[in-house]
Amino acid sequence: RDAKQQLSRLKKNAMDPQKAQQMLHNIRKSIELAEKVKDYFTGTLDVAKVQQRRDKLSKLIHDHYCVCPNYGCPVCQADSRIRFRIIMREQEGSLVGPEFLKSVQHVLEYFESELTEGKEVQSFGHGLTLALDHYIIITKRTLRSRTTTLEAQAREAQELKLRIETLSTDPLAQRHGSKPAALVRYLEKIVQAC
């Protein structure tokens, strides 16, 4: 009964596997784009060429998510495909805003305001660090954490399913539970070995 309740609770709280994989994919794509932008624009800050830089950044963002010739063409799918993860800001104890931006324009604005070249932010225990580097580090950490959590949930669900199956087929487990039944089986093996 406990195993069934635990499995039910786990399924209720767990993310749909397809949505979870899509979320991890979106986070990976966000990291890839941030790294591309960092590689492409490092050391190219020239105030006289701000609009040209903006156009190049817009094209880079578009091309990362869509294969059409240019943004806004009739077959462009960039805005429908883009899911760029942002670092959530906490305000009065709760997170504010969406976790993913869903248009080239919003991502462009995020890069220009939050991840602009030369901008420094406070990094946890490391003093000031470049905003784009900080973004990449935090987003990679988030990806690892979410991957670990999803893997742990999948393992736990598998173990609970096995435990439920054992309970339904083993008379000793039905009467006393799977853990005491496993202990009895283990002790029986030890006695037989002696």
C-alpha atoms as a PDB file:
ATOM      1  CA  ARG A   1       0.000   0.000   0.000  1.00  0.00           C
ATOM      2  CA  ASP A   2       2.798   2.418   0.900  1.00  0.00           C
ATOM      3  CA  ALA A   3       4.628   1.674  -2.355  1.00  0.00           C
ATOM      4  CA  LYS A   4       1.461   2.322  -4.379  1.00  0.00           C
ATOM      5  CA  GLN A   5       0.900   5.600  -2.541  1.00  0.00           C
ATOM      6  CA  GLN A   6       4.511   6.637  -3.064  1.00  0.00           C
ATOM      7  CA  LEU A   7       4.342   5.765  -6.774  1.00  0.00           C
ATOM      8  CA  SER A   8       1.071   7.658  -7.139  1.00  0.00           C
ATOM      9  CA  ARG A   9       2.539  10.706  -5.384  1.00  0.00           C
ATOM     10  CA  LEU A  10       5.711  10.497  -7.511  1.00  0.00           C
ATOM     11  CA  LYS A  11       3.688  10.315 -10.740  1.00  0.00           C
ATOM     12  CA  LYS A  12       1.524  13.236  -9.631  1.00  0.00           C
ATOM     13  CA  ASN A  13       4.534  15.445  -8.845  1.00  0.00           C
ATOM     14  CA  ALA A  14       6.816  14.278 -11.658  1.00  0.00           C
ATOM     15  CA  MET A  15       7.046  16.074 -14.970  1.00  0.00           C
ATOM     16  CA  ASP A  16       5.774  14.352 -18.097  1.00  0.00           C
ATOM     17  CA  PRO A  17       8.838  12.549 -19.596  1.00  0.00           C
ATOM     18  CA  GLN A  18       8.404  14.199 -23.016  1.00  0.00           C
ATOM     19  CA  LYS A  19       8.087  17.656 -21.456  1.00  0.00           C
ATOM     20  CA  ALA A  20      11.098  16.939 -19.255  1.00  0.00           C
ATOM     21  CA  GLN A  21      13.219  15.948 -22.253  1.00  0.00           C
ATOM     22  CA  GLN A  22      12.034  19.033 -24.141  1.00  0.00           C
ATOM     23  CA  MET A  23      12.936  21.244 -21.157  1.00  0.00           C
ATOM     24  CA  LEU A  24      16.440  19.737 -20.990  1.00  0.00           C
ATOM     25  CA  HIS A  25      16.793  20.196 -24.765  1.00  0.00           C
ATOM     26  CA  ASN A  26      15.758  23.868 -24.446  1.00  0.00           C
ATOM     27  CA  ILE A  27      18.286  24.459 -21.679  1.00  0.00           C
ATOM     28  CA  ARG A  28      21.056  22.830 -23.755  1.00  0.00           C
ATOM     29  CA  LYS A  29      20.138  24.990 -26.770  1.00  0.00           C
ATOM     30  CA  SER A  30      20.244  28.090 -24.533  1.00  0.00           C
ATOM     31  CA  ILE A  31      23.754  27.205 -23.372  1.00  0.00           C
ATOM     32  CA  GLU A  32      24.866  26.563 -26.962  1.00  0.00           C
ATOM     33  CA  LEU A  33      23.511  29.932 -28.098  1.00  0.00           C
ATOM     34  CA  ALA A  34      25.156  31.801 -25.207  1.00  0.00           C
ATOM     35  CA  GLU A  35      28.483  30.123 -26.001  1.00  0.00           C
ATOM     36  CA  LYS A  36      28.121  30.999 -29.711  1.00  0.00           C
ATOM     37  CA  VAL A  37      27.393  34.623 -28.868  1.00  0.00           C
ATOM     38  CA  LYS A  38      30.358  34.717 -26.502  1.00  0.00           C
ATOM     39  CA  ASP A  39      32.705  33.254 -29.126  1.00  0.00           C
ATOM     40  CA  TYR A  40      31.349  35.447 -31.916  1.00  0.00           C
ATOM     41  CA  PHE A  41      31.348  38.797 -30.153  1.00  0.00           C
ATOM     42  CA  THR A  42      34.245  38.593 -27.711  1.00  0.00           C
ATOM     43  CA  GLY A  43      36.304  41.742 -28.061  1.00  0.00           C
ATOM     44  CA  THR A  44      34.191  43.309 -30.824  1.00  0.00           C
ATOM     45  CA  LEU A  45      32.531  46.105 -28.861  1.00  0.00           C
ATOM     46  CA  ASP A  46      32.571  49.202 -31.044  1.00  0.00           C
ATOM     47  CA  VAL A  47      30.063  51.909 -30.176  1.00  0.00           C
ATOM     48  CA  ALA A  48      30.005  53.212 -33.747  1.00  0.00           C
ATOM     49  CA  LYS A  49      28.759  49.854 -35.003  1.00  0.00           C
ATOM     50  CA  VAL A  50      26.007  49.189 -32.434  1.00  0.00           C
ATOM     51  CA  GLN A  51      23.219  48.677 -35.025  1.00  0.00           C
ATOM     52  CA  GLN A  52      25.431  46.428 -37.144  1.00  0.00           C
ATOM     53  CA  ARG A  53      26.278  44.407 -34.032  1.00  0.00           C
ATOM     54  CA  ARG A  54      22.575  44.224 -33.116  1.00  0.00           C
ATOM     55  CA  ASP A  55      21.701  42.938 -36.604  1.00  0.00           C
ATOM     56  CA  LYS A  56      24.449  40.303 -36.411  1.00  0.00           C
ATOM     57  CA  LEU A  57      23.271  39.207 -32.972  1.00  0.00           C
ATOM     58  CA  SER A  58      19.680  38.992 -34.205  1.00  0.00           C
ATOM     59  CA  LYS A  59      20.795  36.866 -37.178  1.00  0.00           C
ATOM     60  CA  LEU A  60      22.905  34.639 -34.917  1.00  0.00           C
ATOM     61  CA  ILE A  61      19.921  34.039 -32.608  1.00  0.00           C
ATOM     62  CA  HIS A  62      17.624  33.382 -35.569  1.00  0.00           C
ATOM     63  CA  ASP A  63      20.039  30.995 -37.278  1.00  0.00           C
ATOM     64  CA  HIS A  64      20.477  29.001 -34.066  1.00  0.00           C
ATOM     65  CA  TYR A  65      16.779  28.060 -34.106  1.00  0.00           C
ATOM     66  CA  CYS A  66      15.709  28.266 -37.765  1.00  0.00           C
ATOM     67  CA  VAL A  67      17.133  27.278 -41.170  1.00  0.00           C
ATOM     68  CA  CYS A  68      15.256  29.773 -43.359  1.00  0.00           C
ATOM     69  CA  PRO A  69      17.251  32.523 -45.142  1.00  0.00           C
ATOM     70  CA  ASN A  70      16.246  35.408 -42.866  1.00  0.00           C
ATOM     71  CA  TYR A  71      14.116  36.330 -39.901  1.00  0.00           C
ATOM     72  CA  GLY A  72      10.531  37.191 -40.748  1.00  0.00           C
ATOM     73  CA  CYS A  73      10.412  35.476 -44.124  1.00  0.00           C
ATOM     74  CA  PRO A  74       7.149  33.571 -44.888  1.00  0.00           C
ATOM     75  CA  VAL A  75       8.585  30.191 -43.824  1.00  0.00           C
ATOM     76  CA  CYS A  76      10.456  31.445 -40.739  1.00  0.00           C
ATOM     77  CA  GLN A  77       9.885  29.298 -37.662  1.00  0.00           C
ATOM     78  CA  ALA A  78      12.362  30.897 -35.270  1.00  0.00           C
ATOM     79  CA  ASP A  79       9.754  32.425 -32.956  1.00  0.00           C
ATOM     80  CA  SER A  80       7.780  29.186 -32.741  1.00  0.00           C
ATOM     81  CA  ARG A  81      10.900  27.105 -32.011  1.00  0.00           C
ATOM     82  CA  ILE A  82      12.844  29.384 -29.716  1.00  0.00           C
ATOM     83  CA  ARG A  83      12.872  28.611 -25.994  1.00  0.00           C
ATOM     84  CA  PHE A  84      15.764  30.511 -24.431  1.00  0.00           C
ATOM     85  CA  ARG A  85      16.213  29.988 -20.706  1.00  0.00           C
ATOM     86  CA  ILE A  86      16.782  33.077 -18.621  1.00  0.00           C
ATOM     87  CA  ILE A  87      18.074  33.444 -15.094  1.00  0.00           C
ATOM     88  CA  MET A  88      15.007  34.066 -12.978  1.00  0.00           C
ATOM     89  CA  ARG A  89      15.031  37.077 -10.682  1.00  0.00           C
ATOM     90  CA  GLU A  90      13.661  36.829  -7.184  1.00  0.00           C
ATOM     91  CA  GLN A  91      11.426  39.591  -5.951  1.00  0.00           C
ATOM     92  CA  GLU A  92       9.814  39.567  -2.505  1.00  0.00           C
ATOM     93  CA  GLY A  93      10.528  35.868  -2.024  1.00  0.00           C
ATOM     94  CA  SER A  94       9.151  34.580  -5.335  1.00  0.00           C
ATOM     95  CA  LEU A  95      10.498  34.214  -8.850  1.00  0.00           C
ATOM     96  CA  VAL A  96       9.345  36.810 -11.359  1.00  0.00           C
ATOM     97  CA  GLY A  97       8.676  36.311 -15.058  1.00  0.00           C
ATOM     98  CA  PRO A  98       8.845  33.390 -17.459  1.00  0.00           C
ATOM     99  CA  GLU A  99      11.676  30.855 -17.348  1.00  0.00           C
ATOM    100  CA  PHE A 100      11.964  30.713 -21.147  1.00  0.00           C
ATOM    101  CA  LEU A 101      11.783  33.527 -23.709  1.00  0.00           C
ATOM    102  CA  LYS A 102       9.903  32.636 -26.875  1.00  0.00           C
ATOM    103  CA  SER A 103      10.869  35.107 -29.599  1.00  0.00           C
ATOM    104  CA  VAL A 104      13.998  36.335 -31.322  1.00  0.00           C
ATOM    105  CA  GLN A 105      13.172  39.906 -30.268  1.00  0.00           C
ATOM    106  CA  HIS A 106      12.836  38.974 -26.570  1.00  0.00           C
ATOM    107  CA  VAL A 107      16.100  37.011 -26.628  1.00  0.00           C
ATOM    108  CA  LEU A 108      17.861  39.876 -28.402  1.00  0.00           C
ATOM    109  CA  GLU A 109      16.604  42.305 -25.744  1.00  0.00           C
ATOM    110  CA  TYR A 110      17.728  39.909 -22.990  1.00  0.00           C
ATOM    111  CA  PHE A 111      21.245  39.747 -24.441  1.00  0.00           C
ATOM    112  CA  GLU A 112      21.354  43.529 -24.799  1.00  0.00           C
ATOM    113  CA  SER A 113      20.107  44.270 -21.279  1.00  0.00           C
ATOM    114  CA  GLU A 114      21.267  41.346 -19.128  1.00  0.00           C
ATOM    115  CA  LEU A 115      24.155  39.692 -20.997  1.00  0.00           C
ATOM    116  CA  THR A 116      25.739  42.615 -22.771  1.00  0.00           C
ATOM    117  CA  GLU A 117      29.479  42.442 -23.303  1.00  0.00           C
ATOM    118  CA  GLY A 118      31.475  43.895 -20.427  1.00  0.00           C
ATOM    119  CA  LYS A 119      28.567  43.837 -17.966  1.00  0.00           C
ATOM    120  CA  GLU A 120      29.569  42.337 -14.627  1.00  0.00           C
ATOM    121  CA  VAL A 121      27.319  40.680 -12.069  1.00  0.00           C
ATOM    122  CA  GLN A 122      27.844  39.375  -8.570  1.00  0.00           C
ATOM    123  CA  SER A 123      28.745  35.705  -8.701  1.00  0.00           C
ATOM    124  CA  PHE A 124      28.049  33.577  -5.640  1.00  0.00           C
ATOM    125  CA  GLY A 125      31.192  33.805  -3.547  1.00  0.00           C
ATOM    126  CA  HIS A 126      33.411  34.686  -6.522  1.00  0.00           C
ATOM    127  CA  GLY A 127      33.071  38.471  -6.631  1.00  0.00           C
ATOM    128  CA  LEU A 128      32.219  40.090  -9.935  1.00  0.00           C
ATOM    129  CA  THR A 129      32.142  38.046 -13.100  1.00  0.00           C
ATOM    130  CA  LEU A 130      31.102  38.804 -16.684  1.00  0.00           C
ATOM    131  CA  ALA A 131      27.329  38.437 -17.076  1.00  0.00           C
ATOM    132  CA  LEU A 132      27.558  36.101 -20.079  1.00  0.00           C
ATOM    133  CA  ASP A 133      30.070  33.827 -18.313  1.00  0.00           C
ATOM    134  CA  HIS A 134      27.857  33.844 -15.216  1.00  0.00           C
ATOM    135  CA  TYR A 135      24.830  32.937 -17.343  1.00  0.00           C
ATOM    136  CA  ILE A 136      26.640  29.979 -18.927  1.00  0.00           C
ATOM    137  CA  ILE A 137      27.884  28.681 -15.549  1.00  0.00           C
ATOM    138  CA  ILE A 138      24.469  29.003 -13.863  1.00  0.00           C
ATOM    139  CA  THR A 139      22.597  27.463 -16.788  1.00  0.00           C
ATOM    140  CA  LYS A 140      24.990  24.504 -16.990  1.00  0.00           C
ATOM    141  CA  ARG A 141      24.532  23.989 -13.243  1.00  0.00           C
ATOM    142  CA  THR A 142      20.747  24.095 -13.709  1.00  0.00           C
ATOM    143  CA  LEU A 143      20.965  21.539 -16.515  1.00  0.00           C
ATOM    144  CA  ARG A 144      23.025  19.156 -14.360  1.00  0.00           C
ATOM    145  CA  SER A 145      20.677  19.583 -11.404  1.00  0.00           C
ATOM    146  CA  ARG A 146      17.513  18.995 -13.406  1.00  0.00           C
ATOM    147  CA  THR A 147      19.018  16.016 -15.211  1.00  0.00           C
ATOM    148  CA  THR A 148      20.037  14.460 -11.881  1.00  0.00           C
ATOM    149  CA  THR A 149      16.581  15.092 -10.408  1.00  0.00           C
ATOM    150  CA  LEU A 150      14.778  13.553 -13.384  1.00  0.00           C
ATOM    151  CA  GLU A 151      17.070  10.512 -13.366  1.00  0.00           C
ATOM    152  CA  ALA A 152      16.499  10.028  -9.617  1.00  0.00           C
ATOM    153  CA  GLN A 153      12.734  10.252 -10.085  1.00  0.00           C
ATOM    154  CA  ALA A 154      12.851   7.674 -12.879  1.00  0.00           C
ATOM    155  CA  ARG A 155      14.955   5.310 -10.729  1.00  0.00           C
ATOM    156  CA  GLU A 156      12.607   5.706  -7.784  1.00  0.00           C
ATOM    157  CA  ALA A 157       9.563   5.036  -9.964  1.00  0.00           C
ATOM    158  CA  GLN A 158      11.215   1.891 -11.353  1.00  0.00           C
ATOM    159  CA  GLU A 159      12.083   0.654  -7.853  1.00  0.00           C
ATOM    160  CA  LEU A 160       8.532   1.281  -6.646  1.00  0.00           C
ATOM    161  CA  LYS A 161       7.049  -0.565  -9.637  1.00  0.00           C
ATOM    162  CA  LEU A 162       9.321  -3.533  -8.897  1.00  0.00           C
ATOM    163  CA  ARG A 163       8.344  -3.418  -5.237  1.00  0.00           C
ATOM    164  CA  ILE A 164       4.627  -3.344  -6.121  1.00  0.00           C
ATOM    165  CA  GLU A 165       5.118  -6.252  -8.521  1.00  0.00           C
ATOM    166  CA  THR A 166       6.942  -8.226  -5.821  1.00  0.00           C
ATOM    167  CA  LEU A 167       4.185  -7.494  -3.329  1.00  0.00           C
ATOM    168  CA  SER A 168       1.528  -8.746  -5.714  1.00  0.00           C
ATOM    169  CA  THR A 169       3.311 -12.041  -6.534  1.00  0.00           C
ATOM    170  CA  ASP A 170       5.045 -13.010  -3.275  1.00  0.00           C
ATOM    171  CA  PRO A 171       2.741 -14.359  -0.513  1.00  0.00           C
ATOM    172  CA  LEU A 172       5.309 -13.582   2.215  1.00  0.00           C
ATOM    173  CA  ALA A 173       5.611 -10.006   0.938  1.00  0.00           C
ATOM    174  CA  GLN A 174       1.835  -9.688   0.797  1.00  0.00           C
ATOM    175  CA  ARG A 175       1.537 -10.621   4.469  1.00  0.00           C
ATOM    176  CA  HIS A 176       4.538  -8.739   5.883  1.00  0.00           C
ATOM    177  CA  GLY A 177       5.709  -6.224   3.249  1.00  0.00           C
ATOM    178  CA  SER A 178       8.521  -6.351   0.716  1.00  0.00           C
ATOM    179  CA  LYS A 179      11.351  -5.276   3.014  1.00  0.00           C
ATOM    180  CA  PRO A 180      10.750  -7.941   5.720  1.00  0.00           C
ATOM    181  CA  ALA A 181      10.205 -10.518   2.954  1.00  0.00           C
ATOM    182  CA  ALA A 182      13.527  -9.577   1.348  1.00  0.00           C
ATOM    183  CA  LEU A 183      15.237  -9.854   4.746  1.00  0.00           C
ATOM    184  CA  VAL A 184      13.719 -13.319   5.339  1.00  0.00           C
ATOM    185  CA  ARG A 185      14.859 -14.458   1.867  1.00  0.00           C
ATOM    186  CA  TYR A 186      18.367 -13.142   2.567  1.00  0.00           C
ATOM    187  CA  LEU A 187      18.526 -14.903   5.942  1.00  0.00           C
ATOM    188  CA  GLU A 188      17.287 -18.141   4.346  1.00  0.00           C
ATOM    189  CA  LYS A 189      20.164 -17.950   1.847  1.00  0.00           C
ATOM    190  CA  ILE A 190      22.672 -17.466   4.642  1.00  0.00           C
ATOM    191  CA  VAL A 191      21.263 -20.477   6.553  1.00  0.00           C
ATOM    192  CA  GLN A 192      21.402 -22.619   3.414  1.00  0.00           C
ATOM    193  CA  ALA A 193      25.019 -21.603   2.787  1.00  0.00           C
ATOM    194  CA  CYS A 194      26.087 -22.726   6.282  1.00  0.00           C
END
